[in-house]
């Protein structure tokens, strides 16, 4: 499915008893590119050491799974993921 409205930001907003307000924006394309570069570096070290059952192979598979998961998240349209409001705190996670 073609979706032109890929999500760009993952916003995490935390407010605790109206004194503490934190907004943490995570730029998804930068994270996706960072995972791709880390995967390339680990493939290089895997080629240097020529070991299949080492921690390098495990790390390569984890990076691949993380990249696939991030692509699926970005394919979602901008939406509210979680919004929790209590008298003590408010927490919201959104894709923008």
Protein backbone atom coordinates (compact mmCIF):
# COMPACT_ATOMS: atom_id res chain seq x y z
CA UNK A 1 0.00 0.00 0.00
CA UNK A 2 1.33 3.40 -0.95
CA UNK A 3 1.05 5.95 1.80
CA UNK A 4 2.36 9.44 1.10
CA UNK A 5 1.84 10.64 4.67
CA UNK A 6 4.72 8.83 6.35
CA UNK A 7 5.21 9.68 9.99
CA UNK A 8 8.22 11.87 10.64
CA UNK A 9 8.18 12.44 14.40
CA UNK A 10 7.43 10.33 17.42
CA UNK A 11 6.43 12.79 20.15
CA UNK A 12 6.44 11.80 23.81
CA UNK A 13 4.81 14.37 26.11
CA UNK A 14 4.97 14.08 29.90
CA UNK A 15 3.35 16.50 32.33
CA UNK A 16 3.51 15.89 36.07
CA UNK A 17 1.18 17.91 38.33
CA UNK A 18 1.49 21.03 36.12
CA UNK A 19 5.04 21.75 37.37
CA UNK A 20 7.04 19.53 35.10
CA UNK A 21 6.42 19.45 31.35
CA UNK A 22 8.66 17.45 29.02
CA UNK A 23 8.29 17.00 25.26
CA UNK A 24 10.69 14.58 23.62
CA UNK A 25 10.58 14.60 19.79
CA UNK A 26 12.25 11.69 18.03
CA UNK A 27 12.97 12.26 14.34
CA UNK A 28 12.18 8.91 12.73
CA UNK A 29 14.08 9.32 9.41
CA UNK A 30 17.29 10.06 11.33
CA UNK A 31 16.78 7.01 13.54
CA UNK A 32 16.11 4.87 10.46
CA UNK A 33 19.32 6.08 8.78
CA UNK A 34 21.32 5.49 11.98
CA UNK A 35 20.07 1.90 12.18
CA UNK A 36 21.01 1.33 8.52
CA UNK A 37 24.54 2.64 9.11
CA UNK A 38 24.97 0.52 12.25
CA UNK A 39 23.75 -2.53 10.30
CA UNK A 40 26.34 -1.84 7.57
CA UNK A 41 29.14 -1.53 10.14
CA UNK A 42 28.14 -4.77 11.83
CA UNK A 43 28.05 -6.55 8.45
CA UNK A 44 31.60 -5.27 7.84
CA UNK A 45 32.84 -6.64 11.18
CA UNK A 46 31.02 -9.91 10.53
CA UNK A 47 32.90 -10.17 7.23
CA UNK A 48 36.23 -9.39 8.96
CA UNK A 49 35.80 -11.99 11.72
CA UNK A 50 34.02 -14.54 9.46
CA UNK A 51 32.03 -15.99 12.37
CA UNK A 52 28.41 -17.01 12.10
CA UNK A 53 27.53 -17.87 15.69
CA UNK A 54 29.10 -14.84 17.36
CA UNK A 55 27.54 -11.84 19.06
CA UNK A 56 28.07 -9.93 15.81
CA UNK A 57 25.55 -12.14 13.99
CA UNK A 58 23.05 -11.65 16.80
CA UNK A 59 23.53 -7.88 16.70
CA UNK A 60 23.05 -7.86 12.90
CA UNK A 61 19.75 -9.71 13.23
CA UNK A 62 18.56 -7.34 16.00
CA UNK A 63 19.44 -4.30 13.89
CA UNK A 64 17.58 -5.80 10.92
CA UNK A 65 14.50 -6.42 13.06
CA UNK A 66 14.68 -2.88 14.48
CA UNK A 67 14.91 -1.39 10.99
CA UNK A 68 11.94 -3.42 9.79
CA UNK A 69 9.92 -2.36 12.82
CA UNK A 70 10.80 1.30 12.28
CA UNK A 71 9.73 1.11 8.62
CA UNK A 72 6.36 -0.33 9.69
CA UNK A 73 5.90 2.44 12.26
CA UNK A 74 6.75 5.12 9.70
CA UNK A 75 4.25 3.61 7.25
CA UNK A 76 1.43 4.37 9.69
CA UNK A 77 -0.35 7.65 9.18
CA UNK A 78 0.05 10.38 11.80
CA UNK A 79 -2.00 9.28 14.80
CA UNK A 80 -2.29 9.28 18.59
CA UNK A 81 -0.80 6.09 20.01
CA UNK A 82 -1.34 6.55 23.75
CA UNK A 83 -2.92 9.27 25.82
CA UNK A 84 -3.20 8.82 29.59
CA UNK A 85 -4.60 11.53 31.86
CA UNK A 86 -4.71 11.21 35.63
CA UNK A 87 -4.85 13.92 38.30
CA UNK A 88 -1.14 13.40 38.97
CA UNK A 89 0.24 13.12 35.42
CA UNK A 90 -0.49 13.27 31.70
CA UNK A 91 1.37 11.15 29.16
CA UNK A 92 0.86 11.22 25.40
CA UNK A 93 2.69 9.40 22.60
CA UNK A 94 1.89 10.56 19.06
CA UNK A 95 3.08 9.99 15.52
CA UNK A 96 3.26 13.21 13.51
